[in-house]
Protein backbone atom coordinates (compact mmCIF):
# COMPACT_ATOMS: atom_id res chain seq x y z
CA UNK A 1 0.00 0.00 0.00
CA UNK A 2 2.78 2.38 0.94
CA UNK A 3 4.66 1.57 -2.22
CA UNK A 4 1.59 2.24 -4.40
CA UNK A 5 1.00 5.57 -2.64
CA UNK A 6 4.65 6.55 -3.16
CA UNK A 7 4.40 5.63 -6.85
CA UNK A 8 1.22 7.71 -7.29
CA UNK A 9 2.75 10.76 -5.60
CA UNK A 10 5.92 10.42 -7.67
CA UNK A 11 3.90 10.30 -10.88
CA UNK A 12 2.03 13.45 -9.87
CA UNK A 13 5.33 15.32 -9.47
CA UNK A 14 7.24 13.95 -12.45
CA UNK A 15 4.53 13.62 -15.11
CA UNK A 16 4.24 17.40 -15.75
CA UNK A 17 8.02 17.68 -16.04
CA UNK A 18 8.10 14.75 -18.46
CA UNK A 19 5.34 16.26 -20.60
CA UNK A 20 7.12 19.62 -20.67
CA UNK A 21 10.41 18.06 -21.74
CA UNK A 22 8.61 16.00 -24.38
CA UNK A 23 6.97 19.10 -25.82
CA UNK A 24 3.68 18.79 -23.96
CA UNK A 25 0.71 16.63 -24.74
CA UNK A 26 -0.41 18.56 -27.83
CA UNK A 27 1.21 20.76 -30.44
CA UNK A 28 0.85 24.52 -30.21
CA UNK A 29 -2.19 25.72 -32.15
CA UNK A 30 -0.71 29.13 -32.92
CA UNK A 31 2.71 30.30 -34.04
CA UNK A 32 4.61 32.31 -31.45
CA UNK A 33 4.10 36.08 -31.63
CA UNK A 34 6.46 38.09 -33.81
CA UNK A 35 6.45 41.12 -31.51
CA UNK A 36 9.05 40.92 -28.76
CA UNK A 37 10.57 43.47 -26.41
CA UNK A 38 13.84 44.65 -27.95
CA UNK A 39 12.76 43.86 -31.52
CA UNK A 40 11.35 46.17 -34.17
CA UNK A 41 7.56 46.17 -33.97
CA UNK A 42 5.90 44.32 -36.84
CA UNK A 43 4.38 46.65 -39.42
CA UNK A 44 0.77 45.63 -38.94
CA UNK A 45 -2.07 47.21 -40.89
CA UNK A 46 -5.10 48.50 -39.04
CA UNK A 47 -8.31 50.28 -40.00
CA UNK A 48 -9.27 53.79 -38.92
CA UNK A 49 -12.83 54.52 -37.83
CA UNK A 50 -13.43 56.28 -41.15
CA UNK A 51 -12.40 53.16 -43.10
CA UNK A 52 -8.85 54.11 -44.08
CA UNK A 53 -5.96 51.67 -43.85
CA UNK A 54 -3.19 52.69 -41.45
CA UNK A 55 0.17 50.94 -41.04
CA UNK A 56 2.06 51.02 -37.77
CA UNK A 57 5.13 52.21 -39.71
CA UNK A 58 3.16 55.41 -40.43
CA UNK A 59 3.99 56.44 -36.85
CA UNK A 60 7.78 55.92 -37.16
CA UNK A 61 9.59 58.89 -35.68
CA UNK A 62 7.13 59.07 -32.77
CA UNK A 63 6.93 57.25 -29.47
CA UNK A 64 3.86 55.02 -29.66
CA UNK A 65 1.70 53.72 -26.84
CA UNK A 66 -0.06 50.86 -28.67
CA UNK A 67 -2.98 49.66 -26.56
CA UNK A 68 -5.13 46.62 -27.43
CA UNK A 69 -8.61 46.87 -25.92
CA UNK A 70 -12.28 45.84 -26.20
CA UNK A 71 -15.53 47.47 -25.11
CA UNK A 72 -16.46 44.39 -23.04
CA UNK A 73 -13.26 44.76 -20.97
CA UNK A 74 -13.79 46.82 -17.76
CA UNK A 75 -10.04 47.41 -17.09
CA UNK A 76 -9.64 48.60 -20.70
CA UNK A 77 -12.33 51.23 -20.28
CA UNK A 78 -11.12 52.17 -16.79
CA UNK A 79 -7.63 53.15 -18.02
CA UNK A 80 -8.83 55.31 -20.91
CA UNK A 81 -9.34 58.55 -18.95
CA UNK A 82 -5.69 58.42 -17.86
CA UNK A 83 -4.65 57.69 -21.46
CA UNK A 84 -6.53 60.82 -22.53
CA UNK A 85 -4.75 62.87 -19.85
CA UNK A 86 -1.42 61.41 -21.02
CA UNK A 87 -2.28 62.26 -24.62
CA UNK A 88 -3.23 65.83 -23.68
CA UNK A 89 -0.15 66.25 -21.49
CA UNK A 90 2.25 65.22 -24.26
CA UNK A 91 0.65 67.17 -27.11
CA UNK A 92 3.33 68.78 -29.23
CA UNK A 93 5.81 65.98 -28.48
CA UNK A 94 6.77 63.22 -30.93
CA UNK A 95 4.25 60.98 -29.22
CA UNK A 96 0.98 59.19 -30.00
CA UNK A 97 -1.50 57.00 -28.14
CA UNK A 98 -3.18 54.38 -30.34
CA UNK A 99 -6.08 52.35 -28.97
CA UNK A 100 -6.65 49.24 -31.11
CA UNK A 101 -10.10 47.70 -30.76
CA UNK A 102 -9.99 43.93 -31.30
CA UNK A 103 -13.69 43.20 -31.70
CA UNK A 104 -15.01 41.77 -34.99
CA UNK A 105 -17.42 44.70 -35.32
CA UNK A 106 -14.78 47.08 -33.96
CA UNK A 107 -15.54 50.10 -36.13
CA UNK A 108 -19.16 50.25 -35.00
CA UNK A 109 -18.52 49.46 -31.32
CA UNK A 110 -15.62 51.93 -31.15
CA UNK A 111 -17.76 54.67 -32.73
CA UNK A 112 -20.56 53.94 -30.26
CA UNK A 113 -18.08 53.95 -27.39
CA UNK A 114 -16.66 57.32 -28.46
CA UNK A 115 -20.13 58.91 -28.59
CA UNK A 116 -20.27 58.66 -24.80
CA UNK A 117 -16.52 58.96 -24.22
CA UNK A 118 -15.09 61.77 -26.36
CA UNK A 119 -11.41 60.77 -26.25
CA UNK A 120 -9.12 62.55 -28.69
CA UNK A 121 -6.27 60.06 -29.09
CA UNK A 122 -6.15 57.69 -32.09
CA UNK A 123 -8.58 54.78 -32.32
CA UNK A 124 -7.91 52.02 -34.83
CA UNK A 125 -9.50 48.61 -35.40
CA UNK A 126 -8.10 45.09 -35.82
CA UNK A 127 -11.35 43.32 -36.80
CA UNK A 128 -9.55 40.33 -38.35
CA UNK A 129 -7.29 39.89 -35.28
CA UNK A 130 -4.14 39.95 -37.44
CA UNK A 131 -2.32 42.54 -35.31
CA UNK A 132 -3.57 40.85 -32.16
CA UNK A 133 -2.07 37.53 -33.28
CA UNK A 134 1.16 39.12 -34.51
CA UNK A 135 1.66 40.87 -31.18
CA UNK A 136 0.58 37.76 -29.22
CA UNK A 137 -2.19 39.61 -27.42
CA UNK A 138 -4.77 37.51 -25.59
CA UNK A 139 -5.23 39.34 -22.27
CA UNK A 140 -6.80 42.75 -22.13
CA UNK A 141 -5.72 45.42 -21.99
CA UNK A 142 -2.23 44.83 -23.34
CA UNK A 143 0.01 47.74 -24.24
CA UNK A 144 3.31 48.08 -26.07
CA UNK A 145 5.63 51.09 -25.75
CA UNK A 146 7.44 51.59 -29.06
CA UNK A 147 10.30 54.07 -29.51
CA UNK A 148 10.86 56.45 -32.43
CA UNK A 149 12.89 53.80 -34.28
CA UNK A 150 10.02 51.31 -34.04
CA UNK A 151 11.63 49.14 -31.35
CA UNK A 152 9.36 47.67 -28.68
CA UNK A 153 10.65 48.84 -25.30
CA UNK A 154 7.92 47.60 -22.97
CA UNK A 155 5.01 45.16 -22.95
CA UNK A 156 2.45 45.89 -20.24
CA UNK A 157 -0.35 43.48 -19.38
CA UNK A 158 -3.35 44.86 -17.52
CA UNK A 159 -4.74 48.29 -16.84
CA UNK A 160 -2.83 51.14 -15.26
CA UNK A 161 -2.86 54.87 -14.63
CA UNK A 162 -1.06 56.22 -17.68
CA UNK A 163 -0.73 59.77 -16.40
CA UNK A 164 1.30 58.77 -13.33
CA UNK A 165 4.30 61.14 -13.11
CA UNK A 166 7.03 58.51 -13.59
CA UNK A 167 5.31 57.18 -16.72
CA UNK A 168 4.83 60.69 -18.14
CA UNK A 169 8.49 61.60 -17.53
CA UNK A 170 9.67 58.33 -19.10
CA UNK A 171 7.58 58.87 -22.23
CA UNK A 172 8.62 62.55 -22.43
CA UNK A 173 12.25 61.47 -22.23
CA UNK A 174 11.73 58.98 -25.07
CA UNK A 175 9.90 61.56 -27.19
CA UNK A 176 12.72 64.11 -26.83
CA UNK A 177 15.49 61.55 -27.46
C-alpha atoms as a PDB file:
ATOM      1  CA  UNK A   1       0.000   0.000   0.000  1.00  0.00           C
ATOM      2  CA  UNK A   2       2.779   2.382   0.944  1.00  0.00           C
ATOM      3  CA  UNK A   3       4.664   1.570  -2.223  1.00  0.00           C
ATOM      4  CA  UNK A   4       1.587   2.244  -4.401  1.00  0.00           C
ATOM      5  CA  UNK A   5       1.004   5.568  -2.639  1.00  0.00           C
ATOM      6  CA  UNK A   6       4.652   6.552  -3.162  1.00  0.00           C
ATOM      7  CA  UNK A   7       4.396   5.628  -6.846  1.00  0.00           C
ATOM      8  CA  UNK A   8       1.215   7.713  -7.294  1.00  0.00           C
ATOM      9  CA  UNK A   9       2.750  10.764  -5.601  1.00  0.00           C
ATOM     10  CA  UNK A  10       5.921  10.423  -7.670  1.00  0.00           C
ATOM     11  CA  UNK A  11       3.899  10.298 -10.883  1.00  0.00           C
ATOM     12  CA  UNK A  12       2.031  13.454  -9.871  1.00  0.00           C
ATOM     13  CA  UNK A  13       5.327  15.315  -9.472  1.00  0.00           C
ATOM     14  CA  UNK A  14       7.238  13.946 -12.447  1.00  0.00           C
ATOM     15  CA  UNK A  15       4.525  13.621 -15.112  1.00  0.00           C
ATOM     16  CA  UNK A  16       4.239  17.402 -15.747  1.00  0.00           C
ATOM     17  CA  UNK A  17       8.023  17.680 -16.039  1.00  0.00           C
ATOM     18  CA  UNK A  18       8.100  14.750 -18.458  1.00  0.00           C
ATOM     19  CA  UNK A  19       5.337  16.263 -20.595  1.00  0.00           C
ATOM     20  CA  UNK A  20       7.118  19.624 -20.670  1.00  0.00           C
ATOM     21  CA  UNK A  21      10.409  18.056 -21.739  1.00  0.00           C
ATOM     22  CA  UNK A  22       8.608  16.003 -24.380  1.00  0.00           C
ATOM     23  CA  UNK A  23       6.967  19.105 -25.823  1.00  0.00           C
ATOM     24  CA  UNK A  24       3.683  18.788 -23.964  1.00  0.00           C
ATOM     25  CA  UNK A  25       0.711  16.633 -24.745  1.00  0.00           C
ATOM     26  CA  UNK A  26      -0.409  18.563 -27.833  1.00  0.00           C
ATOM     27  CA  UNK A  27       1.214  20.759 -30.437  1.00  0.00           C
ATOM     28  CA  UNK A  28       0.848  24.516 -30.211  1.00  0.00           C
ATOM     29  CA  UNK A  29      -2.191  25.718 -32.146  1.00  0.00           C
ATOM     30  CA  UNK A  30      -0.710  29.131 -32.924  1.00  0.00           C
ATOM     31  CA  UNK A  31       2.707  30.295 -34.038  1.00  0.00           C
ATOM     32  CA  UNK A  32       4.612  32.312 -31.452  1.00  0.00           C
ATOM     33  CA  UNK A  33       4.096  36.075 -31.633  1.00  0.00           C
ATOM     34  CA  UNK A  34       6.456  38.086 -33.806  1.00  0.00           C
ATOM     35  CA  UNK A  35       6.448  41.117 -31.506  1.00  0.00           C
ATOM     36  CA  UNK A  36       9.046  40.917 -28.756  1.00  0.00           C
ATOM     37  CA  UNK A  37      10.571  43.473 -26.411  1.00  0.00           C
ATOM     38  CA  UNK A  38      13.843  44.647 -27.947  1.00  0.00           C
ATOM     39  CA  UNK A  39      12.761  43.862 -31.520  1.00  0.00           C
ATOM     40  CA  UNK A  40      11.346  46.166 -34.166  1.00  0.00           C
ATOM     41  CA  UNK A  41       7.558  46.175 -33.966  1.00  0.00           C
ATOM     42  CA  UNK A  42       5.905  44.323 -36.838  1.00  0.00           C
ATOM     43  CA  UNK A  43       4.382  46.646 -39.419  1.00  0.00           C
ATOM     44  CA  UNK A  44       0.768  45.635 -38.936  1.00  0.00           C
ATOM     45  CA  UNK A  45      -2.066  47.206 -40.892  1.00  0.00           C
ATOM     46  CA  UNK A  46      -5.103  48.498 -39.043  1.00  0.00           C
ATOM     47  CA  UNK A  47      -8.309  50.279 -39.998  1.00  0.00           C
ATOM     48  CA  UNK A  48      -9.272  53.785 -38.924  1.00  0.00           C
ATOM     49  CA  UNK A  49     -12.827  54.524 -37.829  1.00  0.00           C
ATOM     50  CA  UNK A  50     -13.433  56.276 -41.155  1.00  0.00           C
ATOM     51  CA  UNK A  51     -12.403  53.159 -43.104  1.00  0.00           C
ATOM     52  CA  UNK A  52      -8.850  54.111 -44.084  1.00  0.00           C
ATOM     53  CA  UNK A  53      -5.956  51.672 -43.853  1.00  0.00           C
ATOM     54  CA  UNK A  54      -3.191  52.692 -41.455  1.00  0.00           C
ATOM     55  CA  UNK A  55       0.166  50.936 -41.042  1.00  0.00           C
ATOM     56  CA  UNK A  56       2.056  51.017 -37.774  1.00  0.00           C
ATOM     57  CA  UNK A  57       5.127  52.212 -39.710  1.00  0.00           C
ATOM     58  CA  UNK A  58       3.156  55.410 -40.429  1.00  0.00           C
ATOM     59  CA  UNK A  59       3.993  56.439 -36.850  1.00  0.00           C
ATOM     60  CA  UNK A  60       7.785  55.920 -37.162  1.00  0.00           C
ATOM     61  CA  UNK A  61       9.587  58.893 -35.676  1.00  0.00           C
ATOM     62  CA  UNK A  62       7.126  59.066 -32.775  1.00  0.00           C
ATOM     63  CA  UNK A  63       6.929  57.254 -29.474  1.00  0.00           C
ATOM     64  CA  UNK A  64       3.859  55.018 -29.661  1.00  0.00           C
ATOM     65  CA  UNK A  65       1.700  53.718 -26.836  1.00  0.00           C
ATOM     66  CA  UNK A  66      -0.058  50.862 -28.666  1.00  0.00           C
ATOM     67  CA  UNK A  67      -2.982  49.661 -26.563  1.00  0.00           C
ATOM     68  CA  UNK A  68      -5.127  46.624 -27.430  1.00  0.00           C
ATOM     69  CA  UNK A  69      -8.608  46.869 -25.915  1.00  0.00           C
ATOM     70  CA  UNK A  70     -12.278  45.844 -26.196  1.00  0.00           C
ATOM     71  CA  UNK A  71     -15.533  47.469 -25.113  1.00  0.00           C
ATOM     72  CA  UNK A  72     -16.457  44.389 -23.039  1.00  0.00           C
ATOM     73  CA  UNK A  73     -13.261  44.765 -20.967  1.00  0.00           C
ATOM     74  CA  UNK A  74     -13.792  46.822 -17.760  1.00  0.00           C
ATOM     75  CA  UNK A  75     -10.036  47.409 -17.094  1.00  0.00           C
ATOM     76  CA  UNK A  76      -9.643  48.604 -20.700  1.00  0.00           C
ATOM     77  CA  UNK A  77     -12.330  51.226 -20.277  1.00  0.00           C
ATOM     78  CA  UNK A  78     -11.118  52.174 -16.794  1.00  0.00           C
ATOM     79  CA  UNK A  79      -7.631  53.145 -18.019  1.00  0.00           C
ATOM     80  CA  UNK A  80      -8.830  55.307 -20.913  1.00  0.00           C
ATOM     81  CA  UNK A  81      -9.343  58.553 -18.950  1.00  0.00           C
ATOM     82  CA  UNK A  82      -5.689  58.416 -17.858  1.00  0.00           C
ATOM     83  CA  UNK A  83      -4.653  57.685 -21.461  1.00  0.00           C
ATOM     84  CA  UNK A  84      -6.527  60.818 -22.527  1.00  0.00           C
ATOM     85  CA  UNK A  85      -4.749  62.873 -19.850  1.00  0.00           C
ATOM     86  CA  UNK A  86      -1.415  61.413 -21.018  1.00  0.00           C
ATOM     87  CA  UNK A  87      -2.284  62.255 -24.622  1.00  0.00           C
ATOM     88  CA  UNK A  88      -3.234  65.826 -23.677  1.00  0.00           C
ATOM     89  CA  UNK A  89      -0.146  66.248 -21.486  1.00  0.00           C
ATOM     90  CA  UNK A  90       2.247  65.215 -24.262  1.00  0.00           C
ATOM     91  CA  UNK A  91       0.646  67.173 -27.110  1.00  0.00           C
ATOM     92  CA  UNK A  92       3.329  68.776 -29.225  1.00  0.00           C
ATOM     93  CA  UNK A  93       5.809  65.985 -28.477  1.00  0.00           C
ATOM     94  CA  UNK A  94       6.769  63.224 -30.931  1.00  0.00           C
ATOM     95  CA  UNK A  95       4.253  60.978 -29.225  1.00  0.00           C
ATOM     96  CA  UNK A  96       0.981  59.191 -30.001  1.00  0.00           C
ATOM     97  CA  UNK A  97      -1.495  56.998 -28.136  1.00  0.00           C
ATOM     98  CA  UNK A  98      -3.176  54.380 -30.339  1.00  0.00           C
ATOM     99  CA  UNK A  99      -6.075  52.346 -28.973  1.00  0.00           C
ATOM    100  CA  UNK A 100      -6.646  49.239 -31.109  1.00  0.00           C
ATOM    101  CA  UNK A 101     -10.096  47.701 -30.760  1.00  0.00           C
ATOM    102  CA  UNK A 102      -9.987  43.932 -31.299  1.00  0.00           C
ATOM    103  CA  UNK A 103     -13.692  43.197 -31.700  1.00  0.00           C
ATOM    104  CA  UNK A 104     -15.007  41.770 -34.987  1.00  0.00           C
ATOM    105  CA  UNK A 105     -17.419  44.697 -35.315  1.00  0.00           C
ATOM    106  CA  UNK A 106     -14.783  47.080 -33.961  1.00  0.00           C
ATOM    107  CA  UNK A 107     -15.540  50.105 -36.131  1.00  0.00           C
ATOM    108  CA  UNK A 108     -19.158  50.247 -34.996  1.00  0.00           C
ATOM    109  CA  UNK A 109     -18.522  49.462 -31.319  1.00  0.00           C
ATOM    110  CA  UNK A 110     -15.623  51.931 -31.146  1.00  0.00           C
ATOM    111  CA  UNK A 111     -17.758  54.669 -32.730  1.00  0.00           C
ATOM    112  CA  UNK A 112     -20.564  53.943 -30.259  1.00  0.00           C
ATOM    113  CA  UNK A 113     -18.080  53.947 -27.390  1.00  0.00           C
ATOM    114  CA  UNK A 114     -16.657  57.316 -28.459  1.00  0.00           C
ATOM    115  CA  UNK A 115     -20.131  58.906 -28.589  1.00  0.00           C
ATOM    116  CA  UNK A 116     -20.268  58.657 -24.799  1.00  0.00           C
ATOM    117  CA  UNK A 117     -16.517  58.962 -24.222  1.00  0.00           C
ATOM    118  CA  UNK A 118     -15.086  61.772 -26.362  1.00  0.00           C
ATOM    119  CA  UNK A 119     -11.414  60.774 -26.252  1.00  0.00           C
ATOM    120  CA  UNK A 120      -9.116  62.552 -28.687  1.00  0.00           C
ATOM    121  CA  UNK A 121      -6.275  60.056 -29.095  1.00  0.00           C
ATOM    122  CA  UNK A 122      -6.148  57.685 -32.091  1.00  0.00           C
ATOM    123  CA  UNK A 123      -8.580  54.782 -32.320  1.00  0.00           C
ATOM    124  CA  UNK A 124      -7.906  52.019 -34.832  1.00  0.00           C
ATOM    125  CA  UNK A 125      -9.500  48.610 -35.404  1.00  0.00           C
ATOM    126  CA  UNK A 126      -8.102  45.086 -35.824  1.00  0.00           C
ATOM    127  CA  UNK A 127     -11.348  43.322 -36.803  1.00  0.00           C
ATOM    128  CA  UNK A 128      -9.552  40.333 -38.352  1.00  0.00           C
ATOM    129  CA  UNK A 129      -7.287  39.889 -35.279  1.00  0.00           C
ATOM    130  CA  UNK A 130      -4.141  39.953 -37.436  1.00  0.00           C
ATOM    131  CA  UNK A 131      -2.318  42.538 -35.308  1.00  0.00           C
ATOM    132  CA  UNK A 132      -3.567  40.847 -32.161  1.00  0.00           C
ATOM    133  CA  UNK A 133      -2.069  37.527 -33.282  1.00  0.00           C
ATOM    134  CA  UNK A 134       1.158  39.115 -34.513  1.00  0.00           C
ATOM    135  CA  UNK A 135       1.656  40.865 -31.175  1.00  0.00           C
ATOM    136  CA  UNK A 136       0.582  37.756 -29.225  1.00  0.00           C
ATOM    137  CA  UNK A 137      -2.191  39.614 -27.416  1.00  0.00           C
ATOM    138  CA  UNK A 138      -4.767  37.506 -25.588  1.00  0.00           C
ATOM    139  CA  UNK A 139      -5.227  39.338 -22.269  1.00  0.00           C
ATOM    140  CA  UNK A 140      -6.801  42.752 -22.134  1.00  0.00           C
ATOM    141  CA  UNK A 141      -5.719  45.418 -21.992  1.00  0.00           C
ATOM    142  CA  UNK A 142      -2.226  44.833 -23.340  1.00  0.00           C
ATOM    143  CA  UNK A 143       0.011  47.745 -24.240  1.00  0.00           C
ATOM    144  CA  UNK A 144       3.311  48.083 -26.072  1.00  0.00           C
ATOM    145  CA  UNK A 145       5.630  51.086 -25.753  1.00  0.00           C
ATOM    146  CA  UNK A 146       7.442  51.585 -29.059  1.00  0.00           C
ATOM    147  CA  UNK A 147      10.296  54.066 -29.506  1.00  0.00           C
ATOM    148  CA  UNK A 148      10.858  56.448 -32.427  1.00  0.00           C
ATOM    149  CA  UNK A 149      12.891  53.798 -34.276  1.00  0.00           C
ATOM    150  CA  UNK A 150      10.023  51.312 -34.039  1.00  0.00           C
ATOM    151  CA  UNK A 151      11.630  49.144 -31.347  1.00  0.00           C
ATOM    152  CA  UNK A 152       9.355  47.669 -28.681  1.00  0.00           C
ATOM    153  CA  UNK A 153      10.654  48.844 -25.304  1.00  0.00           C
ATOM    154  CA  UNK A 154       7.923  47.596 -22.971  1.00  0.00           C
ATOM    155  CA  UNK A 155       5.012  45.161 -22.951  1.00  0.00           C
ATOM    156  CA  UNK A 156       2.454  45.891 -20.238  1.00  0.00           C
ATOM    157  CA  UNK A 157      -0.349  43.482 -19.375  1.00  0.00           C
ATOM    158  CA  UNK A 158      -3.348  44.860 -17.518  1.00  0.00           C
ATOM    159  CA  UNK A 159      -4.739  48.293 -16.843  1.00  0.00           C
ATOM    160  CA  UNK A 160      -2.830  51.138 -15.265  1.00  0.00           C
ATOM    161  CA  UNK A 161      -2.856  54.869 -14.626  1.00  0.00           C
ATOM    162  CA  UNK A 162      -1.061  56.221 -17.682  1.00  0.00           C
ATOM    163  CA  UNK A 163      -0.730  59.771 -16.400  1.00  0.00           C
ATOM    164  CA  UNK A 164       1.297  58.769 -13.328  1.00  0.00           C
ATOM    165  CA  UNK A 165       4.298  61.138 -13.109  1.00  0.00           C
ATOM    166  CA  UNK A 166       7.029  58.507 -13.589  1.00  0.00           C
ATOM    167  CA  UNK A 167       5.313  57.181 -16.723  1.00  0.00           C
ATOM    168  CA  UNK A 168       4.829  60.688 -18.138  1.00  0.00           C
ATOM    169  CA  UNK A 169       8.485  61.596 -17.528  1.00  0.00           C
ATOM    170  CA  UNK A 170       9.673  58.328 -19.100  1.00  0.00           C
ATOM    171  CA  UNK A 171       7.575  58.871 -22.230  1.00  0.00           C
ATOM    172  CA  UNK A 172       8.616  62.545 -22.432  1.00  0.00           C
ATOM    173  CA  UNK A 173      12.252  61.468 -22.234  1.00  0.00           C
ATOM    174  CA  UNK A 174      11.727  58.981 -25.074  1.00  0.00           C
ATOM    175  CA  UNK A 175       9.902  61.564 -27.193  1.00  0.00           C
ATOM    176  CA  UNK A 176      12.724  64.106 -26.828  1.00  0.00           C
ATOM    177  CA  UNK A 177      15.487  61.546 -27.464  1.00  0.00           C
END
